[in-house]
Protein backbone atom coordinates (compact mmCIF):
# COMPACT_ATOMS: atom_id res chain seq x y z
CA MET A 1 24.97 46.10 125.71
CA ILE A 2 26.75 48.95 123.96
CA ASN A 3 29.95 50.26 125.55
CA PHE A 4 29.61 54.04 124.99
CA GLY A 5 32.93 54.75 126.71
CA ARG A 6 34.83 52.68 124.19
CA CYS A 7 33.03 54.37 121.26
CA THR A 8 33.88 57.78 122.65
CA GLN A 9 37.55 56.89 122.94
CA GLN A 10 37.51 55.51 119.39
CA ASN A 11 35.91 58.70 118.06
CA GLN A 12 38.53 60.83 119.85
CA SER A 13 41.32 58.70 118.38
CA ASP A 14 39.87 59.07 114.87
CA MET A 15 39.54 62.80 115.39
CA GLU A 16 43.16 63.11 116.49
CA LYS A 17 44.30 61.19 113.41
CA LEU A 18 42.24 63.48 111.21
CA VAL A 19 43.72 66.57 112.83
CA ILE A 20 47.26 65.24 112.46
CA ALA A 21 46.65 64.33 108.80
CA THR A 22 45.20 67.79 108.16
CA LEU A 23 48.21 69.46 109.76
CA LEU A 24 50.60 67.33 107.72
CA VAL A 25 48.82 68.30 104.52
CA PHE A 26 48.78 71.93 105.60
CA PHE A 27 52.52 72.04 106.24
CA ALA A 28 53.47 69.85 103.29
CA PHE A 29 51.38 71.84 100.84
CA PRO A 30 53.85 74.79 100.62
CA LEU A 31 56.65 72.32 99.96
CA PHE A 32 54.61 70.77 97.19
CA ILE A 33 53.84 74.21 95.74
CA GLY A 34 57.50 75.23 96.05
CA ALA A 35 58.51 72.19 94.06
CA GLN A 36 56.85 73.64 91.01
CA ASP A 37 59.85 75.75 90.09
CA ILE A 38 60.89 74.70 86.59
CA ILE A 39 64.35 75.02 85.07
CA PHE A 40 64.34 75.04 81.25
CA LYS A 41 67.69 74.02 79.79
CA LYS A 42 69.07 75.00 76.40
CA ASN A 43 68.84 71.40 75.16
CA ASN A 44 65.04 71.60 75.74
CA ASP A 45 65.13 69.44 78.88
CA SER A 46 63.31 70.72 81.97
CA ILE A 47 63.75 70.13 85.70
CA VAL A 48 60.83 70.37 88.17
CA CYS A 49 62.35 71.26 91.51
CA VAL A 50 62.68 73.63 94.45
CA ILE A 51 65.29 76.25 93.57
CA ARG A 52 67.61 77.10 96.46
CA GLU A 53 70.12 79.42 94.82
CA VAL A 54 70.70 81.17 91.51
CA GLY A 55 74.45 81.84 91.49
CA THR A 56 76.77 83.44 88.99
CA GLU A 57 78.10 80.05 87.82
CA GLU A 58 75.45 77.47 88.77
CA ILE A 59 71.87 77.03 89.94
CA LYS A 60 71.24 74.87 93.02
CA TYR A 61 67.99 73.00 93.68
CA ASN A 62 66.23 70.14 95.52
CA LEU A 63 64.23 67.30 93.97
CA LEU A 64 61.07 65.87 95.56
CA ASP A 65 62.26 62.29 95.16
CA TYR A 66 65.30 62.94 97.32
CA SER A 67 65.96 64.21 100.81
CA GLN A 68 66.00 67.97 101.26
CA MET A 69 69.56 67.52 102.47
CA VAL A 70 70.61 66.48 98.96
CA LEU A 71 71.44 69.56 96.90
CA PHE A 72 71.69 69.32 93.10
CA SER A 73 73.19 71.90 90.73
CA VAL A 74 73.29 72.74 87.03
CA ASP A 75 75.72 75.01 85.17
CA ARG A 76 74.18 78.41 84.58
CA ASP A 77 75.40 78.43 80.97
CA LYS A 78 73.24 75.35 80.26
CA VAL A 79 70.03 77.06 81.42
CA LYS A 80 67.80 79.17 79.20
CA ARG A 81 65.17 80.35 81.68
CA ILE A 82 63.48 79.65 85.02
CA VAL A 83 59.77 79.68 85.82
CA PHE A 84 59.09 80.03 89.54
CA SER A 85 56.10 78.62 91.41
CA ASP A 86 54.48 82.07 91.61
CA GLY A 87 54.54 82.40 87.81
CA LYS A 88 57.48 84.79 87.61
CA GLU A 89 60.05 84.08 84.90
CA MET A 90 63.78 84.74 84.80
CA GLU A 91 65.86 84.76 81.64
CA VAL A 92 69.26 83.33 82.54
CA LYS A 93 72.04 85.37 80.99
CA ASN A 94 75.37 83.90 80.02
CA GLU A 95 77.85 85.65 82.31
CA THR A 96 80.35 85.80 79.46
CA LYS A 97 77.93 88.00 77.52
CA ASN A 98 76.28 89.82 80.42
CA GLU A 99 76.61 93.54 79.70
CA GLU A 100 76.61 94.34 83.42
CA ASN A 101 80.05 92.75 83.77
CA TYR A 102 81.63 95.34 81.47
CA ILE A 103 80.20 98.63 82.71
CA ASP A 104 83.68 100.00 83.39
CA ASN A 105 85.10 98.94 80.00
CA ARG A 106 85.88 101.61 77.43
CA ARG A 107 84.06 100.51 74.29
CA ARG A 108 85.71 102.60 71.57
CA ALA A 109 89.26 102.78 70.28
CA ILE A 110 91.25 104.82 67.81
CA LYS A 111 94.29 103.07 66.28
CA ILE A 112 97.18 103.72 63.95
CA ASP A 113 99.03 101.11 61.92
CA PHE A 114 102.54 101.36 63.34
CA ILE A 115 104.23 100.03 60.17
CA SER A 116 102.15 101.83 57.50
CA PRO A 117 104.18 105.11 57.29
CA LEU A 118 107.21 103.05 56.28
CA THR A 119 105.33 101.75 53.23
CA GLY A 120 103.96 105.03 51.87
CA ASN A 121 100.70 105.58 53.74
CA THR A 122 99.23 106.32 57.16
CA THR A 123 96.34 104.09 58.25
CA ILE A 124 93.96 105.11 61.04
CA SER A 125 91.21 102.84 62.36
CA TYR A 126 88.21 103.22 64.66
CA GLU A 127 86.68 100.29 66.56
CA GLN A 128 83.35 100.28 68.39
CA SER A 129 82.10 97.44 70.60
CA LEU A 130 78.51 96.43 69.86
CA LYS A 131 78.19 93.80 72.60
CA PRO A 132 80.44 91.18 74.20
CA GLY A 133 82.18 89.29 71.41
CA ARG A 134 81.11 91.66 68.63
CA SER A 135 82.52 94.93 67.31
CA ILE A 136 82.78 96.90 64.09
CA GLU A 137 85.91 98.52 62.73
CA GLY A 138 86.50 101.06 59.98
CA SER A 139 89.86 102.10 58.50
CA VAL A 140 91.08 105.00 56.38
CA GLY A 141 94.48 104.95 54.69
CA LEU A 142 95.99 108.23 53.48
CA ILE A 143 98.21 107.13 50.59
CA GLY A 144 101.23 109.36 50.15
CA LEU A 145 101.39 110.34 53.83
CA GLY A 146 104.55 108.40 54.60
CA LEU A 147 107.87 107.37 53.09
CA ASP A 148 108.17 106.85 49.34
CA PRO A 149 110.83 104.16 48.92
CA GLY A 150 109.90 103.52 45.26
CA GLY A 151 109.92 107.19 44.24
CA ASN A 152 106.47 106.80 42.62
CA ASN A 153 104.90 109.85 44.29
CA PRO A 154 101.72 107.99 45.38
CA LEU A 155 98.62 109.95 46.28
CA GLY A 156 95.16 108.68 47.16
CA MET A 157 93.13 106.88 49.75
CA PHE A 158 91.80 103.48 50.73
CA ILE A 159 88.98 102.56 53.08
CA GLY A 160 88.07 99.33 54.83
CA PHE A 161 85.18 98.09 56.91
CA GLY A 162 85.05 94.93 58.99
CA PHE A 163 82.90 93.07 61.50
CA LYS A 164 84.98 91.59 64.30
CA LEU A 165 84.06 88.30 66.00
CA ILE A 166 86.04 87.96 69.23
CA LYS A 167 86.78 84.51 70.62
CA THR A 168 84.66 83.48 73.63
CA PRO A 169 85.87 83.80 76.27
CA ASP A 170 89.17 85.48 76.97
CA PHE A 171 88.98 85.40 80.75
CA TYR A 172 90.81 86.19 83.93
CA PHE A 173 91.44 83.12 86.09
CA SER A 174 88.26 81.02 86.41
CA ARG A 175 85.75 83.82 85.88
CA MET A 176 83.78 83.08 82.77
CA ARG A 177 83.80 86.51 81.21
CA TYR A 178 85.87 88.62 78.86
CA SER A 179 88.74 90.37 80.63
CA HIS A 180 87.83 93.31 78.36
CA LEU A 181 85.24 93.74 75.62
CA LEU A 182 87.89 94.53 73.00
CA LYS A 183 90.50 92.02 74.16
CA GLY A 184 91.11 88.58 72.69
CA GLY A 185 91.70 86.56 69.57
CA TYR A 186 89.39 87.36 66.68
CA ILE A 187 88.39 86.84 63.09
CA LYS A 188 87.33 89.89 61.10
CA PRO A 189 85.69 89.67 57.65
CA GLU A 190 86.64 92.90 55.88
CA VAL A 191 85.96 94.71 52.61
CA SER A 192 88.48 97.26 51.33
CA LEU A 193 88.67 99.65 48.36
CA ALA A 194 91.55 101.85 47.18
CA LEU A 195 91.93 104.64 44.62
CA TYR A 196 95.31 106.24 44.08
CA GLY A 197 97.74 107.58 41.51
CA VAL A 198 101.41 106.77 41.00
CA ASP A 199 104.17 107.85 38.59
CA ARG A 200 105.18 105.28 35.97
CA ASP A 201 107.99 105.21 33.43
CA SER A 202 106.48 104.53 30.00
CA TYR A 203 107.86 104.25 26.48
CA HIS A 204 106.54 107.67 25.45
CA TYR A 205 106.58 109.64 28.69
CA LYS A 206 108.90 109.87 31.63
CA HIS A 207 107.00 109.62 34.94
CA ALA A 208 103.57 109.21 33.35
CA ARG A 209 100.76 109.26 35.92
CA GLU A 210 98.62 106.14 36.37
CA THR A 211 95.39 105.99 38.34
CA ILE A 212 94.73 102.63 40.00
CA PHE A 213 91.57 101.23 41.49
CA SER A 214 91.66 98.09 43.62
CA GLY A 215 89.55 96.15 46.07
CA SER A 216 89.60 93.11 48.31
CA ILE A 217 87.44 90.84 50.45
CA MET A 218 89.43 89.20 53.21
CA ALA A 219 89.26 87.35 56.49
CA ASN A 220 91.67 88.84 59.01
CA PHE A 221 92.94 86.76 61.93
CA GLY A 222 94.52 88.46 64.92
CA LYS A 223 94.69 89.14 68.59
CA GLN A 224 94.25 92.35 70.52
CA TRP A 225 95.60 93.14 73.99
CA ILE A 226 94.27 95.86 76.32
CA PHE A 227 96.45 97.60 78.89
CA ASP A 228 94.87 99.32 81.92
CA ASN A 229 91.65 100.03 79.99
CA VAL A 230 93.56 102.79 78.14
CA MET A 231 95.98 101.42 75.53
CA LEU A 232 95.78 98.56 73.05
CA PHE A 233 98.11 96.50 70.88
CA ASP A 234 96.72 94.62 67.89
CA MET A 235 98.47 92.19 65.50
CA TYR A 236 96.78 90.55 62.51
CA VAL A 237 97.21 88.84 59.15
CA GLY A 238 94.59 88.43 56.45
CA VAL A 239 93.90 86.47 53.30
CA GLY A 240 91.16 86.62 50.67
CA TYR A 241 90.38 87.72 47.11
CA GLY A 242 91.36 90.97 45.42
CA PHE A 243 91.92 92.84 42.17
CA SER A 244 93.87 95.82 40.86
CA THR A 245 93.74 97.83 37.64
CA SER A 246 97.48 98.46 37.79
CA SER A 247 99.35 98.05 34.51
CA TYR A 248 101.81 95.96 36.48
CA ASN A 249 99.15 93.52 37.66
CA ASP A 250 100.82 90.54 36.00
CA THR A 251 102.60 90.17 39.33
CA MET A 252 101.84 91.01 42.97
CA VAL A 253 100.76 94.64 43.43
CA TYR A 254 101.02 96.54 46.71
CA ASN A 255 97.92 98.71 47.09
CA PHE A 256 99.07 100.42 50.32
CA GLY A 257 96.66 98.48 52.52
CA TYR A 258 96.94 95.03 51.04
CA VAL A 259 98.68 93.08 48.28
CA THR A 260 96.78 91.66 45.31
CA GLY A 261 97.79 88.96 42.88
CA PRO A 262 97.44 88.81 39.08
CA PRO A 263 94.03 88.21 37.44
CA GLN A 264 94.78 84.52 36.96
CA PHE A 265 95.44 84.19 40.71
CA PRO A 266 93.37 86.93 42.43
CA ILE A 267 94.63 86.44 45.96
CA ALA A 268 94.77 89.28 48.48
CA LEU A 269 97.06 89.42 51.51
CA THR A 270 97.49 91.85 54.37
CA ALA A 271 99.16 92.19 57.76
CA GLY A 272 99.57 94.91 60.34
CA ILE A 273 100.43 96.05 63.83
CA ASN A 274 98.11 98.57 65.42
CA ILE A 275 98.71 100.69 68.48
CA GLY A 276 95.73 102.54 69.90
CA TYR A 277 94.01 104.53 72.61
CA LEU A 278 90.68 103.63 74.19
CA LEU A 279 87.94 106.25 74.33
CA LYS A 280 85.13 106.52 76.85
């Protein structure tokens, strides 16, 4: 004889289990979908996870294989991009080079070489920031606009152009960013040319005029400080290759922006102290 009451109870029990299983799948499904966030690191590794926070210094996330109470993190600077479960992508910017951190920085500067008038010229430079860690700088030297300790009556001009690579980062406290776009230690490859005339004593003529052309390719090493986003102080030295058409080029020749060696040893040297004003 078939016990219909027992069958009915069994069917109800199976139905309850099915409902519970369905509910578990229903509620677990969003967690499973949320776990499809993917962090792509710069070393080409990837992390499949649930992202909890994208901070300024690190990204926090959960892993499916661990309890939701366990929170993992990865340095933001190690991450290239994030792909979220809904398909949206986020490029992760390095905070050191994030332009938004420097909105209030003045990006241009006009400078004068503080020592140059004592050596027979006045050198003026202009620097323009291109982006964090990069700037360009051009210089013009007015030869003859300054003291003339040698009595050679110099007159002419030299120009220079350089691309400045600023050390990353020069930061305040623990914040990984430049304290100012134009502040920090740097290396600046630079090309310079000069054309000028000077008086020379020759065998036939007293104070004969000589026209000299010179040039150099140098790497300048220095550091620049910024004060209150208004003033700057810059010190540098440089070394490289150079030439001069001076009749005295069998020894070191001062070309009013740099010193060049003789043809058999075509070294070029420079140094300077700049004081400047930042422009908006």
